[in-house]
């Protein structure tokens, strides 16, 4: 019984660790994208209205993902 509980606990902990890693990677990627859009907008590589829309959506998504953590 103890072995089963320990294995279950290990499995749950591993799952959580893996999922947290994926979540952190997603947040990092979105933060990078945010910087790229800002760079493109400041260098007139993308229309400012489109950039603003992207930035608002990226910021909202990052905030939402950070609340999961």
PDB file of N, CA and C in Angstrom:
ATOM      1  N   UNK A   1       0.824  -1.200   0.000  1.00  0.00           N
ATOM      2  CA  UNK A   1       0.000   0.000   0.000  1.00  0.00           C
ATOM      3  C   UNK A   1       0.868   1.263   0.000  1.00  0.00           C
ATOM      4  N   UNK A   2       1.907   1.292   0.833  1.00  0.00           N
ATOM      5  CA  UNK A   2       2.783   2.457   0.886  1.00  0.00           C
ATOM      6  C   UNK A   2       3.480   2.667  -0.461  1.00  0.00           C
ATOM      7  N   UNK A   3       3.895   1.576  -1.076  1.00  0.00           N
ATOM      8  CA  UNK A   3       4.568   1.669  -2.372  1.00  0.00           C
ATOM      9  C   UNK A   3       3.631   2.269  -3.415  1.00  0.00           C
ATOM     10  N   UNK A   4       2.397   1.827  -3.400  1.00  0.00           N
ATOM     11  CA  UNK A   4       1.414   2.341  -4.356  1.00  0.00           C
ATOM     12  C   UNK A   4       1.190   3.832  -4.151  1.00  0.00           C
ATOM     13  N   UNK A   5       1.064   4.254  -2.914  1.00  0.00           N
ATOM     14  CA  UNK A   5       0.870   5.668  -2.616  1.00  0.00           C
ATOM     15  C   UNK A   5       2.082   6.495  -3.018  1.00  0.00           C
ATOM     16  N   UNK A   6       3.276   5.966  -2.773  1.00  0.00           N
ATOM     17  CA  UNK A   6       4.488   6.683  -3.155  1.00  0.00           C
ATOM     18  C   UNK A   6       4.591   6.816  -4.673  1.00  0.00           C
ATOM     19  N   UNK A   7       4.252   5.753  -5.383  1.00  0.00           N
ATOM     20  CA  UNK A   7       4.272   5.806  -6.842  1.00  0.00           C
ATOM     21  C   UNK A   7       3.248   6.801  -7.375  1.00  0.00           C
ATOM     22  N   UNK A   8       2.072   6.817  -6.771  1.00  0.00           N
ATOM     23  CA  UNK A   8       1.038   7.759  -7.177  1.00  0.00           C
ATOM     24  C   UNK A   8       1.490   9.189  -6.915  1.00  0.00           C
ATOM     25  N   UNK A   9       2.062   9.424  -5.759  1.00  0.00           N
ATOM     26  CA  UNK A   9       2.558  10.756  -5.417  1.00  0.00           C
ATOM     27  C   UNK A   9       3.655  11.189  -6.387  1.00  0.00           C
ATOM     28  N   UNK A  10       4.567  10.274  -6.701  1.00  0.00           N
ATOM     29  CA  UNK A  10       5.638  10.579  -7.652  1.00  0.00           C
ATOM     30  C   UNK A  10       5.059  10.900  -9.029  1.00  0.00           C
ATOM     31  N   UNK A  11       4.088  10.138  -9.469  1.00  0.00           N
ATOM     32  CA  UNK A  11       3.472  10.357 -10.776  1.00  0.00           C
ATOM     33  C   UNK A  11       2.790  11.723 -10.824  1.00  0.00           C
ATOM     34  N   UNK A  12       2.074  12.086  -9.778  1.00  0.00           N
ATOM     35  CA  UNK A  12       1.403  13.379  -9.736  1.00  0.00           C
ATOM     36  C   UNK A  12       2.399  14.527  -9.704  1.00  0.00           C
ATOM     37  N   UNK A  13       3.468  14.352  -8.950  1.00  0.00           N
ATOM     38  CA  UNK A  13       4.501  15.377  -8.868  1.00  0.00           C
ATOM     39  C   UNK A  13       5.192  15.541 -10.216  1.00  0.00           C
ATOM     40  N   UNK A  14       5.514  14.449 -10.877  1.00  0.00           N
ATOM     41  CA  UNK A  14       6.162  14.515 -12.183  1.00  0.00           C
ATOM     42  C   UNK A  14       5.254  15.185 -13.200  1.00  0.00           C
ATOM     43  N   UNK A  15       3.982  14.836 -13.176  1.00  0.00           N
ATOM     44  CA  UNK A  15       3.030  15.443 -14.095  1.00  0.00           C
ATOM     45  C   UNK A  15       2.982  16.945 -13.877  1.00  0.00           C
ATOM     46  N   UNK A  16       2.917  17.347 -12.641  1.00  0.00           N
ATOM     47  CA  UNK A  16       2.847  18.765 -12.323  1.00  0.00           C
ATOM     48  C   UNK A  16       4.120  19.481 -12.767  1.00  0.00           C
ATOM     49  N   UNK A  17       5.267  18.876 -12.537  1.00  0.00           N
ATOM     50  CA  UNK A  17       6.539  19.471 -12.930  1.00  0.00           C
ATOM     51  C   UNK A  17       6.620  19.631 -14.442  1.00  0.00           C
ATOM     52  N   UNK A  18       6.213  18.622 -15.167  1.00  0.00           N
ATOM     53  CA  UNK A  18       6.243  18.675 -16.631  1.00  0.00           C
ATOM     54  C   UNK A  18       5.280  19.745 -17.136  1.00  0.00           C
ATOM     55  N   UNK A  19       4.085  19.772 -16.575  1.00  0.00           N
ATOM     56  CA  UNK A  19       3.096  20.757 -17.007  1.00  0.00           C
ATOM     57  C   UNK A  19       3.559  22.177 -16.674  1.00  0.00           C
ATOM     58  N   UNK A  20       4.174  22.383 -15.536  1.00  0.00           N
ATOM     59  CA  UNK A  20       4.681  23.710 -15.172  1.00  0.00           C
ATOM     60  C   UNK A  20       5.780  24.143 -16.142  1.00  0.00           C
ATOM     61  N   UNK A  21       6.623  23.206 -16.537  1.00  0.00           N
ATOM     62  CA  UNK A  21       7.681  23.514 -17.498  1.00  0.00           C
ATOM     63  C   UNK A  21       7.068  23.958 -18.829  1.00  0.00           C
ATOM     64  N   UNK A  22       6.055  23.246 -19.273  1.00  0.00           N
ATOM     65  CA  UNK A  22       5.378  23.612 -20.520  1.00  0.00           C
ATOM     66  C   UNK A  22       4.733  24.987 -20.400  1.00  0.00           C
ATOM     67  N   UNK A  23       4.130  25.262 -19.274  1.00  0.00           N
ATOM     68  CA  UNK A  23       3.495  26.556 -19.044  1.00  0.00           C
ATOM     69  C   UNK A  23       4.532  27.677 -19.061  1.00  0.00           C
ATOM     70  N   UNK A  24       5.650  27.464 -18.393  1.00  0.00           N
ATOM     71  CA  UNK A  24       6.713  28.471 -18.372  1.00  0.00           C
ATOM     72  C   UNK A  24       7.268  28.720 -19.772  1.00  0.00           C
ATOM     73  N   UNK A  25       7.435  27.659 -20.543  1.00  0.00           N
ATOM     74  CA  UNK A  25       7.930  27.802 -21.912  1.00  0.00           C
ATOM     75  C   UNK A  25       6.942  28.587 -22.769  1.00  0.00           C
ATOM     76  N   UNK A  26       5.662  28.337 -22.590  1.00  0.00           N
ATOM     77  CA  UNK A  26       4.640  29.070 -23.339  1.00  0.00           C
ATOM     78  C   UNK A  26       4.680  30.553 -22.986  1.00  0.00           C
ATOM     79  N   UNK A  27       4.804  30.860 -21.699  1.00  0.00           N
ATOM     80  CA  UNK A  27       4.874  32.256 -21.257  1.00  0.00           C
ATOM     81  C   UNK A  27       6.120  32.927 -21.830  1.00  0.00           C
ATOM     82  N   UNK A  28       7.261  32.240 -21.772  1.00  0.00           N
ATOM     83  CA  UNK A  28       8.502  32.806 -22.314  1.00  0.00           C
ATOM     84  C   UNK A  28       8.378  33.096 -23.806  1.00  0.00           C
ATOM     85  N   UNK A  29       7.766  32.178 -24.535  1.00  0.00           N
ATOM     86  CA  UNK A  29       7.579  32.363 -25.971  1.00  0.00           C
ATOM     87  C   UNK A  29       6.693  33.571 -26.255  1.00  0.00           C
ATOM     88  N   UNK A  30       5.597  33.697 -25.510  1.00  0.00           N
ATOM     89  CA  UNK A  30       4.696  34.834 -25.705  1.00  0.00           C
ATOM     90  C   UNK A  30       5.384  36.159 -25.355  1.00  0.00           C
ATOM     91  N   UNK A  31       6.213  36.154 -24.309  1.00  0.00           N
ATOM     92  CA  UNK A  31       6.947  37.369 -23.947  1.00  0.00           C
ATOM     93  C   UNK A  31       7.948  37.739 -25.046  1.00  0.00           C
ATOM     94  N   UNK A  32       8.589  36.740 -25.646  1.00  0.00           N
ATOM     95  CA  UNK A  32       9.485  36.996 -26.775  1.00  0.00           C
ATOM     96  C   UNK A  32       8.706  37.586 -27.951  1.00  0.00           C
ATOM     97  N   UNK A  33       7.552  37.004 -28.248  1.00  0.00           N
ATOM     98  CA  UNK A  33       6.724  37.505 -29.341  1.00  0.00           C
ATOM     99  C   UNK A  33       6.323  38.958 -29.097  1.00  0.00           C
ATOM    100  N   UNK A  34       6.011  39.280 -27.854  1.00  0.00           N
ATOM    101  CA  UNK A  34       5.646  40.646 -27.477  1.00  0.00           C
ATOM    102  C   UNK A  34       6.788  41.608 -27.827  1.00  0.00           C
ATOM    103  N   UNK A  35       8.014  41.222 -27.485  1.00  0.00           N
ATOM    104  CA  UNK A  35       9.179  42.053 -27.792  1.00  0.00           C
ATOM    105  C   UNK A  35       9.367  42.210 -29.300  1.00  0.00           C
ATOM    106  N   UNK A  36       9.175  41.124 -30.038  1.00  0.00           N
ATOM    107  CA  UNK A  36       9.350  41.175 -31.491  1.00  0.00           C
ATOM    108  C   UNK A  36       8.335  42.113 -32.134  1.00  0.00           C
ATOM    109  N   UNK A  37       7.093  42.052 -31.680  1.00  0.00           N
ATOM    110  CA  UNK A  37       6.057  42.927 -32.235  1.00  0.00           C
ATOM    111  C   UNK A  37       6.390  44.386 -31.900  1.00  0.00           C
ATOM    112  N   UNK A  38       6.849  44.639 -30.681  1.00  0.00           N
ATOM    113  CA  UNK A  38       7.237  46.005 -30.323  1.00  0.00           C
ATOM    114  C   UNK A  38       8.369  46.502 -31.224  1.00  0.00           C
ATOM    115  N   UNK A  39       9.345  45.648 -31.452  1.00  0.00           N
ATOM    116  CA  UNK A  39      10.473  46.010 -32.324  1.00  0.00           C
ATOM    117  C   UNK A  39       9.981  46.307 -33.736  1.00  0.00           C
ATOM    118  N   UNK A  40       9.151  45.415 -34.263  1.00  0.00           N
ATOM    119  CA  UNK A  40       8.622  45.602 -35.620  1.00  0.00           C
ATOM    120  C   UNK A  40       7.813  46.892 -35.725  1.00  0.00           C
ATOM    121  N   UNK A  41       7.019  47.186 -34.713  1.00  0.00           N
ATOM    122  CA  UNK A  41       6.203  48.408 -34.725  1.00  0.00           C
ATOM    123  C   UNK A  41       7.098  49.650 -34.664  1.00  0.00           C
ATOM    124  N   UNK A  42       8.112  49.620 -33.821  1.00  0.00           N
ATOM    125  CA  UNK A  42       8.988  50.787 -33.683  1.00  0.00           C
ATOM    126  C   UNK A  42       9.831  51.022 -34.935  1.00  0.00           C
ATOM    127  N   UNK A  43      10.024  49.989 -35.744  1.00  0.00           N
ATOM    128  CA  UNK A  43      10.787  50.115 -36.990  1.00  0.00           C
ATOM    129  C   UNK A  43       9.887  50.157 -38.222  1.00  0.00           C
ATOM    130  N   UNK A  44       8.602  50.406 -37.980  1.00  0.00           N
ATOM    131  CA  UNK A  44       7.610  50.521 -39.059  1.00  0.00           C
ATOM    132  C   UNK A  44       7.574  49.299 -39.980  1.00  0.00           C
ATOM    133  N   UNK A  45       7.787  48.138 -39.406  1.00  0.00           N
ATOM    134  CA  UNK A  45       7.721  46.897 -40.184  1.00  0.00           C
ATOM    135  C   UNK A  45       6.322  46.294 -40.163  1.00  0.00           C
ATOM    136  N   UNK A  46       5.494  46.820 -39.256  1.00  0.00           N
ATOM    137  CA  UNK A  46       4.107  46.370 -39.163  1.00  0.00           C
ATOM    138  C   UNK A  46       3.253  47.593 -38.827  1.00  0.00           C
ATOM    139  N   UNK A  47       2.049  47.615 -39.334  1.00  0.00           N
ATOM    140  CA  UNK A  47       1.122  48.716 -39.063  1.00  0.00           C
ATOM    141  C   UNK A  47       0.895  48.843 -37.551  1.00  0.00           C
ATOM    142  N   UNK A  48       0.882  50.056 -37.057  1.00  0.00           N
ATOM    143  CA  UNK A  48       0.769  50.282 -35.607  1.00  0.00           C
ATOM    144  C   UNK A  48      -0.562  49.776 -35.044  1.00  0.00           C
ATOM    145  N   UNK A  49      -1.627  49.872 -35.821  1.00  0.00           N
ATOM    146  CA  UNK A  49      -2.926  49.375 -35.349  1.00  0.00           C
ATOM    147  C   UNK A  49      -2.896  47.868 -35.169  1.00  0.00           C
ATOM    148  N   UNK A  50      -2.299  47.196 -36.130  1.00  0.00           N
ATOM    149  CA  UNK A  50      -2.174  45.733 -36.033  1.00  0.00           C
ATOM    150  C   UNK A  50      -1.260  45.369 -34.871  1.00  0.00           C
ATOM    151  N   UNK A  51      -0.146  46.080 -34.743  1.00  0.00           N
ATOM    152  CA  UNK A  51       0.788  45.812 -33.639  1.00  0.00           C
ATOM    153  C   UNK A  51       0.102  46.003 -32.295  1.00  0.00           C
ATOM    154  N   UNK A  52      -0.662  47.072 -32.155  1.00  0.00           N
ATOM    155  CA  UNK A  52      -1.371  47.317 -30.894  1.00  0.00           C
ATOM    156  C   UNK A  52      -2.331  46.178 -30.568  1.00  0.00           C
ATOM    157  N   UNK A  53      -3.031  45.703 -31.571  1.00  0.00           N
ATOM    158  CA  UNK A  53      -3.962  44.589 -31.361  1.00  0.00           C
ATOM    159  C   UNK A  53      -3.210  43.343 -30.912  1.00  0.00           C
ATOM    160  N   UNK A  54      -2.104  43.048 -31.599  1.00  0.00           N
ATOM    161  CA  UNK A  54      -1.290  41.891 -31.211  1.00  0.00           C
ATOM    162  C   UNK A  54      -0.777  42.037 -29.779  1.00  0.00           C
ATOM    163  N   UNK A  55      -0.272  43.228 -29.458  1.00  0.00           N
ATOM    164  CA  UNK A  55       0.299  43.447 -28.125  1.00  0.00           C
ATOM    165  C   UNK A  55      -0.757  43.298 -27.032  1.00  0.00           C
ATOM    166  N   UNK A  56      -1.933  43.831 -27.272  1.00  0.00           N
ATOM    167  CA  UNK A  56      -3.018  43.698 -26.290  1.00  0.00           C
ATOM    168  C   UNK A  56      -3.372  42.226 -26.080  1.00  0.00           C
ATOM    169  N   UNK A  57      -3.485  41.497 -27.184  1.00  0.00           N
ATOM    170  CA  UNK A  57      -3.826  40.072 -27.073  1.00  0.00           C
ATOM    171  C   UNK A  57      -2.714  39.262 -26.419  1.00  0.00           C
ATOM    172  N   UNK A  58      -1.473  39.566 -26.758  1.00  0.00           N
ATOM    173  CA  UNK A  58      -0.355  38.862 -26.126  1.00  0.00           C
ATOM    174  C   UNK A  58      -0.299  39.150 -24.628  1.00  0.00           C
ATOM    175  N   UNK A  59      -0.469  40.414 -24.253  1.00  0.00           N
ATOM    176  CA  UNK A  59      -0.447  40.784 -22.837  1.00  0.00           C
ATOM    177  C   UNK A  59      -1.557  40.075 -22.064  1.00  0.00           C
ATOM    178  N   UNK A  60      -2.739  40.036 -22.639  1.00  0.00           N
ATOM    179  CA  UNK A  60      -3.864  39.379 -21.964  1.00  0.00           C
ATOM    180  C   UNK A  60      -3.601  37.883 -21.803  1.00  0.00           C
ATOM    181  N   UNK A  61      -3.048  37.280 -22.827  1.00  0.00           N
ATOM    182  CA  UNK A  61      -2.757  35.839 -22.763  1.00  0.00           C
ATOM    183  C   UNK A  61      -1.673  35.550 -21.731  1.00  0.00           C
ATOM    184  N   UNK A  62      -0.639  36.381 -21.691  1.00  0.00           N
ATOM    185  CA  UNK A  62       0.425  36.192 -20.702  1.00  0.00           C
ATOM    186  C   UNK A  62      -0.131  36.317 -19.291  1.00  0.00           C
ATOM    187  N   UNK A  63      -0.955  37.327 -19.061  1.00  0.00           N
ATOM    188  CA  UNK A  63      -1.560  37.503 -17.731  1.00  0.00           C
ATOM    189  C   UNK A  63      -2.396  36.296 -17.362  1.00  0.00           C
ATOM    190  N   UNK A  64      -3.213  35.822 -18.298  1.00  0.00           N
ATOM    191  CA  UNK A  64      -4.050  34.645 -18.029  1.00  0.00           C
ATOM    192  C   UNK A  64      -3.221  33.417 -17.695  1.00  0.00           C
ATOM    193  N   UNK A  65      -2.150  33.208 -18.432  1.00  0.00           N
ATOM    194  CA  UNK A  65      -1.301  32.043 -18.161  1.00  0.00           C
ATOM    195  C   UNK A  65      -0.580  32.176 -16.821  1.00  0.00           C
ATOM    196  N   UNK A  66      -0.181  33.383 -16.479  1.00  0.00           N
ATOM    197  CA  UNK A  66       0.509  33.575 -15.199  1.00  0.00           C
ATOM    198  C   UNK A  66      -0.427  33.345 -14.014  1.00  0.00           C
ATOM    199  N   UNK A  67      -1.721  33.540 -14.194  1.00  0.00           N
ATOM    200  CA  UNK A  67      -2.654  33.266 -13.094  1.00  0.00           C
ATOM    201  C   UNK A  67      -2.801  31.770 -12.858  1.00  0.00           C
ATOM    202  N   UNK A  68      -2.507  30.956 -13.857  1.00  0.00           N
ATOM    203  CA  UNK A  68      -2.553  29.502 -13.696  1.00  0.00           C
ATOM    204  C   UNK A  68      -1.439  29.031 -12.785  1.00  0.00           C
ATOM    205  N   UNK A  69      -0.283  29.694 -12.883  1.00  0.00           N
ATOM    206  CA  UNK A  69       0.866  29.313 -12.079  1.00  0.00           C
ATOM    207  C   UNK A  69       0.520  29.501 -10.638  1.00  0.00           C
TER     208      UNK A  69
END
